[in-house]
C-alpha atoms as a PDB file:
ATOM      1  CA  MET A   1     -59.969  98.351  70.793  1.00  0.00           C
ATOM      2  CA  LYS A   2     -60.522  98.871  74.590  1.00  0.00           C
ATOM      3  CA  SER A   3     -59.803 102.581  75.519  1.00  0.00           C
ATOM      4  CA  THR A   4     -57.057 100.584  78.103  1.00  0.00           C
ATOM      5  CA  ASP A   5     -55.260 100.060  74.760  1.00  0.00           C
ATOM      6  CA  HIS A   6     -54.255 103.239  73.971  1.00  0.00           C
ATOM      7  CA  PHE A   7     -51.942 105.281  75.698  1.00  0.00           C
ATOM      8  CA  ALA A   8     -53.196 108.794  77.087  1.00  0.00           C
ATOM      9  CA  LEU A   9     -49.697 110.832  75.336  1.00  0.00           C
ATOM     10  CA  ASP A  10     -50.541 108.838  71.716  1.00  0.00           C
ATOM     11  CA  VAL A  11     -52.909 111.488  70.088  1.00  0.00           C
ATOM     12  CA  GLN A  12     -55.670 108.638  68.825  1.00  0.00           C
ATOM     13  CA  GLY A  13     -55.352 107.214  72.310  1.00  0.00           C
ATOM     14  CA  LEU A  14     -55.679 110.319  73.702  1.00  0.00           C
ATOM     15  CA  ASP A  15     -58.390 111.150  72.111  1.00  0.00           C
ATOM     16  CA  HIS A  16     -60.314 108.333  72.317  1.00  0.00           C
ATOM     17  CA  LEU A  17     -60.182 109.255  76.032  1.00  0.00           C
ATOM     18  CA  ARG A  18     -62.037 111.951  76.073  1.00  0.00           C
ATOM     19  CA  ASN A  19     -64.907 111.021  73.662  1.00  0.00           C
ATOM     20  CA  SER A  20     -65.133 108.249  76.697  1.00  0.00           C
ATOM     21  CA  ALA A  21     -65.010 110.430  79.606  1.00  0.00           C
ATOM     22  CA  HIS A  22     -68.052 111.933  78.178  1.00  0.00           C
ATOM     23  CA  LEU A  23     -69.860 109.753  77.126  1.00  0.00           C
ATOM     24  CA  ASP A  24     -69.774 107.673  81.279  1.00  0.00           C
ATOM     25  CA  PRO A  25     -68.029 110.907  83.519  1.00  0.00           C
ATOM     26  CA  HIS A  26     -67.425 107.980  86.088  1.00  0.00           C
ATOM     27  CA  ALA A  27     -65.772 105.680  83.296  1.00  0.00           C
ATOM     28  CA  GLY A  28     -63.651 108.174  82.200  1.00  0.00           C
ATOM     29  CA  LEU A  29     -62.390 109.063  85.742  1.00  0.00           C
ATOM     30  CA  LYS A  30     -61.295 105.640  85.962  1.00  0.00           C
ATOM     31  CA  GLU A  31     -59.709 105.795  82.775  1.00  0.00           C
ATOM     32  CA  ALA A  32     -58.230 108.851  82.893  1.00  0.00           C
ATOM     33  CA  SER A  33     -56.765 107.161  86.772  1.00  0.00           C
ATOM     34  CA  LYS A  34     -54.712 104.291  85.006  1.00  0.00           C
ATOM     35  CA  GLN A  35     -53.301 106.377  82.360  1.00  0.00           C
ATOM     36  CA  PHE A  36     -52.316 109.396  85.247  1.00  0.00           C
ATOM     37  CA  GLU A  37     -50.672 106.183  87.043  1.00  0.00           C
ATOM     38  CA  ALA A  38     -49.432 104.792  83.136  1.00  0.00           C
ATOM     39  CA  VAL A  39     -47.545 108.329  82.770  1.00  0.00           C
ATOM     40  CA  PHE A  40     -46.142 107.705  86.888  1.00  0.00           C
ATOM     41  CA  ILE A  41     -44.339 104.603  85.748  1.00  0.00           C
ATOM     42  CA  GLN A  42     -43.075 105.610  82.731  1.00  0.00           C
ATOM     43  CA  MET A  43     -41.818 108.766  84.180  1.00  0.00           C
ATOM     44  CA  MET A  44     -40.311 106.590  86.958  1.00  0.00           C
ATOM     45  CA  LEU A  45     -38.350 104.027  84.446  1.00  0.00           C
ATOM     46  CA  LYS A  46     -36.895 107.051  82.519  1.00  0.00           C
ATOM     47  CA  SER A  47     -35.107 108.103  85.469  1.00  0.00           C
ATOM     48  CA  MET A  48     -34.700 104.862  86.678  1.00  0.00           C
ATOM     49  CA  ARG A  49     -32.650 104.325  83.504  1.00  0.00           C
ATOM     50  CA  ALA A  50     -31.072 108.141  83.636  1.00  0.00           C
ATOM     51  CA  ALA A  51     -29.307 106.161  86.387  1.00  0.00           C
ATOM     52  CA  VAL A  52     -27.579 103.826  85.089  1.00  0.00           C
ATOM     53  CA  PRO A  53     -24.330 104.554  82.779  1.00  0.00           C
ATOM     54  CA  LYS A  54     -24.772 104.608  79.295  1.00  0.00           C
ATOM     55  CA  SER A  55     -22.474 103.268  77.041  1.00  0.00           C
ATOM     56  CA  GLU A  56     -21.309 104.547  73.544  1.00  0.00           C
ATOM     57  CA  MET A  57     -23.332 101.460  71.430  1.00  0.00           C
ATOM     58  CA  SER A  58     -26.433 102.813  73.583  1.00  0.00           C
ATOM     59  CA  SER A  59     -26.154 106.297  74.412  1.00  0.00           C
ATOM     60  CA  ASN A  60     -26.980 107.975  70.785  1.00  0.00           C
ATOM     61  CA  SER A  61     -29.978 109.864  69.983  1.00  0.00           C
ATOM     62  CA  GLN A  62     -31.924 107.159  67.751  1.00  0.00           C
ATOM     63  CA  THR A  63     -31.278 104.506  70.618  1.00  0.00           C
ATOM     64  CA  GLU A  64     -32.371 106.291  72.937  1.00  0.00           C
ATOM     65  CA  MET A  65     -36.010 107.328  70.803  1.00  0.00           C
ATOM     66  CA  TYR A  66     -36.859 103.745  71.065  1.00  0.00           C
ATOM     67  CA  THR A  67     -36.041 103.572  74.096  1.00  0.00           C
ATOM     68  CA  GLU A  68     -38.092 106.123  75.482  1.00  0.00           C
ATOM     69  CA  MET A  69     -40.956 104.706  72.912  1.00  0.00           C
ATOM     70  CA  LEU A  70     -40.401 100.855  74.942  1.00  0.00           C
ATOM     71  CA  ASP A  71     -40.309 102.906  78.721  1.00  0.00           C
ATOM     72  CA  GLN A  72     -44.600 103.482  76.781  1.00  0.00           C
ATOM     73  CA  GLN A  73     -45.171 100.407  75.592  1.00  0.00           C
ATOM     74  CA  TRP A  74     -44.393  98.732  79.232  1.00  0.00           C
ATOM     75  CA  ALA A  75     -45.909 101.895  81.710  1.00  0.00           C
ATOM     76  CA  GLN A  76     -49.252 101.588  79.838  1.00  0.00           C
ATOM     77  CA  SER A  77     -48.911  97.309  80.651  1.00  0.00           C
ATOM     78  CA  LEU A  78     -47.994  97.996  83.701  1.00  0.00           C
ATOM     79  CA  SER A  79     -50.857 100.587  84.322  1.00  0.00           C
ATOM     80  CA  GLY A  80     -53.525  99.018  86.935  1.00  0.00           C
ATOM     81  CA  LYS A  81     -51.747  96.369  87.278  1.00  0.00           C
ATOM     82  CA  GLY A  82     -49.868  96.592  90.641  1.00  0.00           C
ATOM     83  CA  ILE A  83     -48.171  99.957  92.773  1.00  0.00           C
ATOM     84  CA  GLY A  84     -52.636 100.743  93.382  1.00  0.00           C
ATOM     85  CA  LEU A  85     -52.276 104.253  92.400  1.00  0.00           C
ATOM     86  CA  ALA A  86     -54.978 104.668  89.631  1.00  0.00           C
ATOM     87  CA  GLU A  87     -57.170 102.553  92.248  1.00  0.00           C
ATOM     88  CA  GLN A  88     -56.466 104.987  94.478  1.00  0.00           C
ATOM     89  CA  LEU A  89     -56.713 108.819  93.095  1.00  0.00           C
ATOM     90  CA  THR A  90     -60.672 106.822  91.839  1.00  0.00           C
ATOM     91  CA  ARG A  91     -61.309 106.521  94.636  1.00  0.00           C
ATOM     92  CA  GLN A  92     -60.305 110.084  96.234  1.00  0.00           C
ATOM     93  CA  LEU A  93     -61.334 111.992  93.640  1.00  0.00           C
ATOM     94  CA  SER A  94     -64.621 110.513  92.392  1.00  0.00           C
ATOM     95  CA  GLY A  95     -67.057 112.926  93.733  1.00  0.00           C
ATOM     96  CA  HIS A  96     -65.641 115.945  92.728  1.00  0.00           C
ATOM     97  CA  THR A  97     -67.115 118.116  89.216  1.00  0.00           C
ATOM     98  CA  ALA A  98     -65.029 120.403  87.079  1.00  0.00           C
ATOM     99  CA  GLN A  99     -66.605 122.842  86.863  1.00  0.00           C
ATOM    100  CA  GLN A 100     -64.976 123.999  83.644  1.00  0.00           C
ATOM    101  CA  ASN A 101     -66.341 120.530  82.324  1.00  0.00           C
ATOM    102  CA  PRO A 102     -69.869 119.695  84.085  1.00  0.00           C
ATOM    103  CA  GLY A 103     -70.590 115.812  84.931  1.00  0.00           C
ATOM    104  CA  LEU A 104     -66.208 114.648  84.220  1.00  0.00           C
ATOM    105  CA  SER A 105     -63.913 114.988  87.258  1.00  0.00           C
ATOM    106  CA  ALA A 106     -61.581 117.898  87.846  1.00  0.00           C
ATOM    107  CA  ALA A 107     -59.102 115.284  87.166  1.00  0.00           C
ATOM    108  CA  THR A 108     -60.907 113.610  84.460  1.00  0.00           C
ATOM    109  CA  THR A 109     -60.199 116.843  82.478  1.00  0.00           C
ATOM    110  CA  ALA A 110     -57.327 118.219  83.556  1.00  0.00           C
ATOM    111  CA  PHE A 111     -55.851 114.894  82.924  1.00  0.00           C
ATOM    112  CA  LEU A 112     -57.280 115.049  79.335  1.00  0.00           C
ATOM    113  CA  ASP A 113     -55.806 118.804  79.143  1.00  0.00           C
ATOM    114  CA  LEU A 114     -52.869 117.343  79.015  1.00  0.00           C
ATOM    115  CA  PRO A 115     -50.277 117.921  76.133  1.00  0.00           C
ATOM    116  CA  THR A 116     -49.106 115.067  73.560  1.00  0.00           C
ATOM    117  CA  ARG A 117     -45.850 114.689  73.955  1.00  0.00           C
ATOM    118  CA  SER A 118     -44.463 112.206  71.593  1.00  0.00           C
ATOM    119  CA  PRO A 119     -42.930 114.258  68.478  1.00  0.00           C
ATOM    120  CA  PHE A 120     -43.426 111.138  65.920  1.00  0.00           C
ATOM    121  CA  GLU A 121     -47.317 110.541  67.124  1.00  0.00           C
ATOM    122  CA  ALA A 122     -47.990 114.449  66.716  1.00  0.00           C
ATOM    123  CA  TRP A 123     -46.010 114.009  63.337  1.00  0.00           C
ATOM    124  CA  LYS A 124     -49.130 111.934  62.249  1.00  0.00           C
ATOM    125  CA  ARG A 125     -51.594 114.137  64.019  1.00  0.00           C
ATOM    126  CA  ARG A 126     -51.068 116.873  61.598  1.00  0.00           C
ATOM    127  CA  GLU A 127     -50.103 115.158  58.796  1.00  0.00           C
ATOM    128  CA  VAL A 128     -53.377 113.762  59.141  1.00  0.00           C
ATOM    129  CA  SER A 129     -55.387 116.861  59.639  1.00  0.00           C
ATOM    130  CA  GLY A 130     -53.317 119.586  58.486  1.00  0.00           C
ATOM    131  CA  ALA A 131     -54.503 121.530  61.583  1.00  0.00           C
ATOM    132  CA  SER A 132     -53.163 125.137  61.838  1.00  0.00           C
ATOM    133  CA  SER A 133     -55.228 127.084  64.129  1.00  0.00           C
ATOM    134  CA  GLU A 134     -53.405 127.247  67.547  1.00  0.00           C
ATOM    135  CA  ARG A 135     -50.208 128.204  65.711  1.00  0.00           C
ATOM    136  CA  PRO A 136     -49.406 131.735  67.614  1.00  0.00           C
ATOM    137  CA  ASP A 137     -49.465 134.441  64.869  1.00  0.00           C
ATOM    138  CA  HIS A 138     -45.594 134.772  64.308  1.00  0.00           C
ATOM    139  CA  VAL A 139     -44.659 131.154  63.746  1.00  0.00           C
ATOM    140  CA  GLN A 140     -48.004 131.065  60.989  1.00  0.00           C
ATOM    141  CA  ALA A 141     -45.957 134.447  59.538  1.00  0.00           C
ATOM    142  CA  PHE A 142     -42.903 132.394  59.674  1.00  0.00           C
ATOM    143  CA  ILE A 143     -44.016 129.475  57.913  1.00  0.00           C
ATOM    144  CA  ALA A 144     -46.171 131.728  55.346  1.00  0.00           C
ATOM    145  CA  ARG A 145     -43.000 133.506  54.290  1.00  0.00           C
ATOM    146  CA  LEU A 146     -40.659 130.657  53.779  1.00  0.00           C
ATOM    147  CA  SER A 147     -42.395 127.647  52.520  1.00  0.00           C
ATOM    148  CA  GLY A 148     -42.011 128.353  49.203  1.00  0.00           C
ATOM    149  CA  PRO A 149     -37.687 129.202  49.309  1.00  0.00           C
ATOM    150  CA  ALA A 150     -38.176 125.283  51.673  1.00  0.00           C
ATOM    151  CA  GLN A 151     -39.707 123.804  48.739  1.00  0.00           C
ATOM    152  CA  THR A 152     -37.850 124.912  46.586  1.00  0.00           C
ATOM    153  CA  ALA A 153     -34.362 124.032  48.944  1.00  0.00           C
ATOM    154  CA  ALA A 154     -36.255 120.779  49.288  1.00  0.00           C
ATOM    155  CA  ARG A 155     -36.434 120.328  45.398  1.00  0.00           C
ATOM    156  CA  ASN A 156     -32.586 121.297  44.700  1.00  0.00           C
ATOM    157  CA  SER A 157     -31.644 118.851  47.362  1.00  0.00           C
ATOM    158  CA  GLY A 158     -33.735 115.848  47.956  1.00  0.00           C
ATOM    159  CA  VAL A 159     -33.938 116.599  51.868  1.00  0.00           C
ATOM    160  CA  PRO A 160     -38.134 117.232  52.802  1.00  0.00           C
ATOM    161  CA  ALA A 161     -39.442 120.253  52.904  1.00  0.00           C
ATOM    162  CA  GLU A 162     -40.504 120.432  56.681  1.00  0.00           C
ATOM    163  CA  LEU A 163     -36.992 119.763  57.533  1.00  0.00           C
ATOM    164  CA  ILE A 164     -35.598 122.284  55.690  1.00  0.00           C
ATOM    165  CA  LEU A 165     -38.493 124.682  57.408  1.00  0.00           C
ATOM    166  CA  ALA A 166     -37.919 123.009  61.123  1.00  0.00           C
ATOM    167  CA  GLN A 167     -34.261 123.855  61.085  1.00  0.00           C
ATOM    168  CA  ALA A 168     -34.835 127.667  59.923  1.00  0.00           C
ATOM    169  CA  ALA A 169     -37.310 127.627  62.578  1.00  0.00           C
ATOM    170  CA  LEU A 170     -35.884 125.818  65.318  1.00  0.00           C
ATOM    171  CA  GLU A 171     -31.930 127.944  64.031  1.00  0.00           C
ATOM    172  CA  THR A 172     -33.795 131.465  64.695  1.00  0.00           C
ATOM    173  CA  ASP A 173     -36.147 130.913  67.190  1.00  0.00           C
ATOM    174  CA  TRP A 174     -39.268 131.253  64.781  1.00  0.00           C
ATOM    175  CA  GLY A 175     -37.159 134.018  62.931  1.00  0.00           C
ATOM    176  CA  ARG A 176     -37.276 136.148  66.520  1.00  0.00           C
ATOM    177  CA  ARG A 177     -33.577 135.396  67.180  1.00  0.00           C
ATOM    178  CA  THR A 178     -31.111 135.394  64.178  1.00  0.00           C
ATOM    179  CA  ILE A 179     -27.342 135.559  63.885  1.00  0.00           C
ATOM    180  CA  THR A 180     -26.404 139.589  63.393  1.00  0.00           C
ATOM    181  CA  THR A 181     -23.500 140.748  61.889  1.00  0.00           C
ATOM    182  CA  ALA A 182     -20.773 143.409  64.080  1.00  0.00           C
ATOM    183  CA  GLN A 183     -23.301 146.344  62.632  1.00  0.00           C
ATOM    184  CA  GLY A 184     -26.043 144.656  64.222  1.00  0.00           C
ATOM    185  CA  ALA A 185     -27.496 144.061  60.740  1.00  0.00           C
ATOM    186  CA  ASP A 186     -29.344 140.767  59.820  1.00  0.00           C
ATOM    187  CA  SER A 187     -26.589 137.743  58.541  1.00  0.00           C
ATOM    188  CA  HIS A 188     -29.854 135.707  56.518  1.00  0.00           C
ATOM    189  CA  ASN A 189     -28.026 132.629  58.241  1.00  0.00           C
ATOM    190  CA  LEU A 190     -31.402 130.755  58.413  1.00  0.00           C
ATOM    191  CA  PHE A 191     -29.971 127.216  59.721  1.00  0.00           C
ATOM    192  CA  GLY A 192     -26.902 128.093  61.689  1.00  0.00           C
ATOM    193  CA  ILE A 193     -24.003 127.507  59.172  1.00  0.00           C
ATOM    194  CA  LYS A 194     -20.985 127.984  60.607  1.00  0.00           C
ATOM    195  CA  ALA A 195     -18.291 129.835  57.865  1.00  0.00           C
ATOM    196  CA  GLY A 196     -15.577 127.190  57.595  1.00  0.00           C
ATOM    197  CA  SER A 197     -12.610 127.329  55.637  1.00  0.00           C
ATOM    198  CA  ALA A 198     -13.720 126.847  52.283  1.00  0.00           C
ATOM    199  CA  TRP A 199     -15.886 129.705  53.035  1.00  0.00           C
ATOM    200  CA  GLN A 200     -14.648 132.429  50.718  1.00  0.00           C
ATOM    201  CA  GLY A 201     -17.669 135.087  51.169  1.00  0.00           C
ATOM    202  CA  ALA A 202     -18.678 137.420  54.034  1.00  0.00           C
ATOM    203  CA  THR A 203     -18.745 136.266  57.902  1.00  0.00           C
ATOM    204  CA  THR A 204     -19.756 137.529  61.617  1.00  0.00           C
ATOM    205  CA  GLU A 205     -18.377 135.963  64.839  1.00  0.00           C
ATOM    206  CA  VAL A 206     -20.655 134.951  67.510  1.00  0.00           C
ATOM    207  CA  MET A 207     -20.847 133.281  70.878  1.00  0.00           C
ATOM    208  CA  THR A 208     -23.030 129.892  69.904  1.00  0.00           C
ATOM    209  CA  THR A 209     -23.424 126.747  72.422  1.00  0.00           C
ATOM    210  CA  GLU A 210     -21.673 123.710  71.367  1.00  0.00           C
ATOM    211  CA  TYR A 211     -22.381 120.208  72.928  1.00  0.00           C
ATOM    212  CA  SER A 212     -19.068 117.322  74.159  1.00  0.00           C
ATOM    213  CA  ASP A 213     -20.457 114.413  75.449  1.00  0.00           C
ATOM    214  CA  ASP A 214     -23.931 115.749  76.339  1.00  0.00           C
ATOM    215  CA  ALA A 215     -22.244 118.975  78.409  1.00  0.00           C
ATOM    216  CA  ALA A 216     -23.081 122.183  76.724  1.00  0.00           C
ATOM    217  CA  GLN A 217     -20.390 124.715  76.859  1.00  0.00           C
ATOM    218  CA  LYS A 218     -20.183 128.630  74.989  1.00  0.00           C
ATOM    219  CA  GLN A 219     -17.873 129.440  72.159  1.00  0.00           C
ATOM    220  CA  LEU A 220     -17.044 132.125  69.560  1.00  0.00           C
ATOM    221  CA  GLU A 221     -17.520 130.355  65.768  1.00  0.00           C
ATOM    222  CA  ALA A 222     -17.699 132.790  62.720  1.00  0.00           C
ATOM    223  CA  PHE A 223     -20.083 131.825  60.616  1.00  0.00           C
ATOM    224  CA  ARG A 224     -21.815 132.752  57.398  1.00  0.00           C
ATOM    225  CA  VAL A 225     -23.505 135.431  55.697  1.00  0.00           C
ATOM    226  CA  TYR A 226     -25.439 135.725  53.165  1.00  0.00           C
ATOM    227  CA  PRO A 227     -27.238 138.947  51.246  1.00  0.00           C
ATOM    228  CA  SER A 228     -31.020 137.191  51.839  1.00  0.00           C
ATOM    229  CA  ASP A 229     -33.119 134.559  52.975  1.00  0.00           C
ATOM    230  CA  ASP A 230     -33.214 132.958  49.603  1.00  0.00           C
ATOM    231  CA  ALA A 231     -29.210 132.959  49.390  1.00  0.00           C
ATOM    232  CA  ALA A 232     -29.467 130.786  52.430  1.00  0.00           C
ATOM    233  CA  PHE A 233     -31.954 127.928  51.590  1.00  0.00           C
ATOM    234  CA  SER A 234     -29.589 127.303  48.381  1.00  0.00           C
ATOM    235  CA  ASP A 235     -26.464 127.497  50.619  1.00  0.00           C
ATOM    236  CA  TYR A 236     -28.097 124.958  52.061  1.00  0.00           C
ATOM    237  CA  ALA A 237     -28.943 122.775  49.152  1.00  0.00           C
ATOM    238  CA  ARG A 238     -26.024 122.826  48.223  1.00  0.00           C
ATOM    239  CA  LEU A 239     -24.199 121.720  51.232  1.00  0.00           C
ATOM    240  CA  MET A 240     -27.091 118.903  51.878  1.00  0.00           C
ATOM    241  CA  ARG A 241     -26.164 117.475  47.755  1.00  0.00           C
ATOM    242  CA  SER A 242     -22.661 117.964  48.077  1.00  0.00           C
ATOM    243  CA  ARG A 243     -21.386 116.467  51.136  1.00  0.00           C
ATOM    244  CA  PRO A 244     -21.583 112.438  51.360  1.00  0.00           C
ATOM    245  CA  GLY A 245     -22.749 112.409  54.909  1.00  0.00           C
ATOM    246  CA  TYR A 246     -26.124 114.003  54.741  1.00  0.00           C
ATOM    247  CA  ALA A 247     -26.681 111.063  52.066  1.00  0.00           C
ATOM    248  CA  ALA A 248     -28.610 109.029  54.788  1.00  0.00           C
ATOM    249  CA  VAL A 249     -31.061 112.742  54.844  1.00  0.00           C
ATOM    250  CA  ARG A 250     -31.655 112.491  51.243  1.00  0.00           C
ATOM    251  CA  THR A 251     -32.512 109.022  50.581  1.00  0.00           C
ATOM    252  CA  ALA A 252     -34.965 108.899  54.152  1.00  0.00           C
ATOM    253  CA  THR A 253     -38.378 107.821  54.269  1.00  0.00           C
ATOM    254  CA  ASP A 254     -40.291 110.283  56.279  1.00  0.00           C
ATOM    255  CA  ALA A 255     -39.221 113.695  57.248  1.00  0.00           C
ATOM    256  CA  PRO A 256     -38.882 112.504  60.589  1.00  0.00           C
ATOM    257  CA  GLN A 257     -36.210 109.641  59.409  1.00  0.00           C
ATOM    258  CA  ALA A 258     -34.098 112.404  57.829  1.00  0.00           C
ATOM    259  CA  ALA A 259     -33.605 114.152  61.085  1.00  0.00           C
ATOM    260  CA  ILE A 260     -32.654 111.629  62.919  1.00  0.00           C
ATOM    261  CA  ALA A 261     -30.252 111.226  59.213  1.00  0.00           C
ATOM    262  CA  LEU A 262     -29.184 114.784  60.202  1.00  0.00           C
ATOM    263  CA  GLN A 263     -28.039 114.344  63.812  1.00  0.00           C
ATOM    264  CA  GLN A 264     -26.353 111.190  63.046  1.00  0.00           C
ATOM    265  CA  GLY A 265     -24.902 113.127  59.746  1.00  0.00           C
ATOM    266  CA  GLY A 266     -22.891 115.798  61.824  1.00  0.00           C
ATOM    267  CA  TYR A 267     -25.009 118.427  61.299  1.00  0.00           C
ATOM    268  CA  ALA A 268     -25.597 119.557  65.091  1.00  0.00           C
ATOM    269  CA  THR A 269     -23.405 118.691  68.560  1.00  0.00           C
ATOM    270  CA  ASP A 270     -27.235 118.884  69.986  1.00  0.00           C
ATOM    271  CA  PRO A 271     -27.703 115.592  71.402  1.00  0.00           C
ATOM    272  CA  ARG A 272     -31.554 116.629  71.499  1.00  0.00           C
ATOM    273  CA  TYR A 273     -31.191 117.837  67.916  1.00  0.00           C
ATOM    274  CA  ALA A 274     -33.582 115.543  65.841  1.00  0.00           C
ATOM    275  CA  GLN A 275     -36.668 115.426  68.771  1.00  0.00           C
ATOM    276  CA  LYS A 276     -36.244 119.305  68.625  1.00  0.00           C
ATOM    277  CA  LEU A 277     -36.224 118.806  64.535  1.00  0.00           C
ATOM    278  CA  ILE A 278     -39.435 116.509  64.825  1.00  0.00           C
ATOM    279  CA  SER A 279     -41.022 118.341  67.571  1.00  0.00           C
ATOM    280  CA  VAL A 280     -41.285 122.158  65.032  1.00  0.00           C
ATOM    281  CA  MET A 281     -42.449 120.140  62.270  1.00  0.00           C
ATOM    282  CA  ALA A 282     -45.294 118.707  64.583  1.00  0.00           C
ATOM    283  CA  THR A 283     -46.060 122.311  64.617  1.00  0.00           C
ATOM    284  CA  ILE A 284     -45.081 122.958  61.032  1.00  0.00           C
ATOM    285  CA  GLY A 285     -47.267 119.844  58.893  1.00  0.00           C
ATOM    286  CA  PRO A 286     -46.931 118.677  55.379  1.00  0.00           C
ATOM    287  CA  LEU A 287     -45.431 120.584  53.349  1.00  0.00           C
ATOM    288  CA  HIS A 288     -46.060 118.646  49.968  1.00  0.00           C
ATOM    289  CA  THR A 289     -42.948 119.297  47.655  1.00  0.00           C
ATOM    290  CA  THR A 290     -42.622 117.573  44.184  1.00  0.00           C
ATOM    291  CA  THR A 291     -39.683 115.174  43.604  1.00  0.00           C
ATOM    292  CA  ALA A 292     -38.203 116.267  40.722  1.00  0.00           C
ATOM    293  CA  ARG A 293     -35.054 117.901  41.794  1.00  0.00           C
ATOM    294  CA  ASN A 294     -32.925 120.687  39.772  1.00  0.00           C
ATOM    295  CA  ASP A 295     -28.754 121.149  39.355  1.00  0.00           C
ATOM    296  CA  LEU A 296     -27.365 123.795  41.849  1.00  0.00           C
END
């Protein structure tokens, strides 16, 4: 497969582009310019779609995700075939040398340092490599502390452990922003679970962001208070097992699909909730959990 068959924001394509650039700097610059053009075209397509009114059938998160993937393929197919941006970049930048990477142009090096933007591809990379050296210390500490409880909750609920841990990370900013009681104590509410009329335990009221028709608004809500993190994981597992709306989360083929099913089940009003969870899971990597489940 030629390098032009890879998209630069695909992990494998970006790695292939890096390797090609080191072997042949001139060819690397030419290919990097094409990929830059592909990114530009994808952004242009995204802007064009944003200007078109959406119907109820086309405004759900799953449709938007697959539309973005389609635009990515269109961008790769169109790059270097019509608008001339790649050729202009190649001509103007071919004489420059990147100090931090001798033999490559500055534009090539900068482009190859672009972060991976596809949450699905980032998830695939983690699934294969399990790399964790680039995680910040607070992320490492959060994963180390709560991986065990997440895997226990996974066995008790059928929800992938990676998704459970990702929710706790997203809802608390890796443990740095927790819901507190009126006295300032930790509520141990790792999953942003609201009190609801059936909740008989302690509660605390805090301002939260909710979305209506994709518009964010602040409102005061009552949230559950738990005596410990383990109690929060246990209640989360019970919630996932007991509500029919989350059945698709438990039966999803993989963790990213489970995240989409969780949003569709109404867990959160944020229209990008599933995409955020998939990105967090890409940071966490796979957590191997046995399939045996315990009754709560």
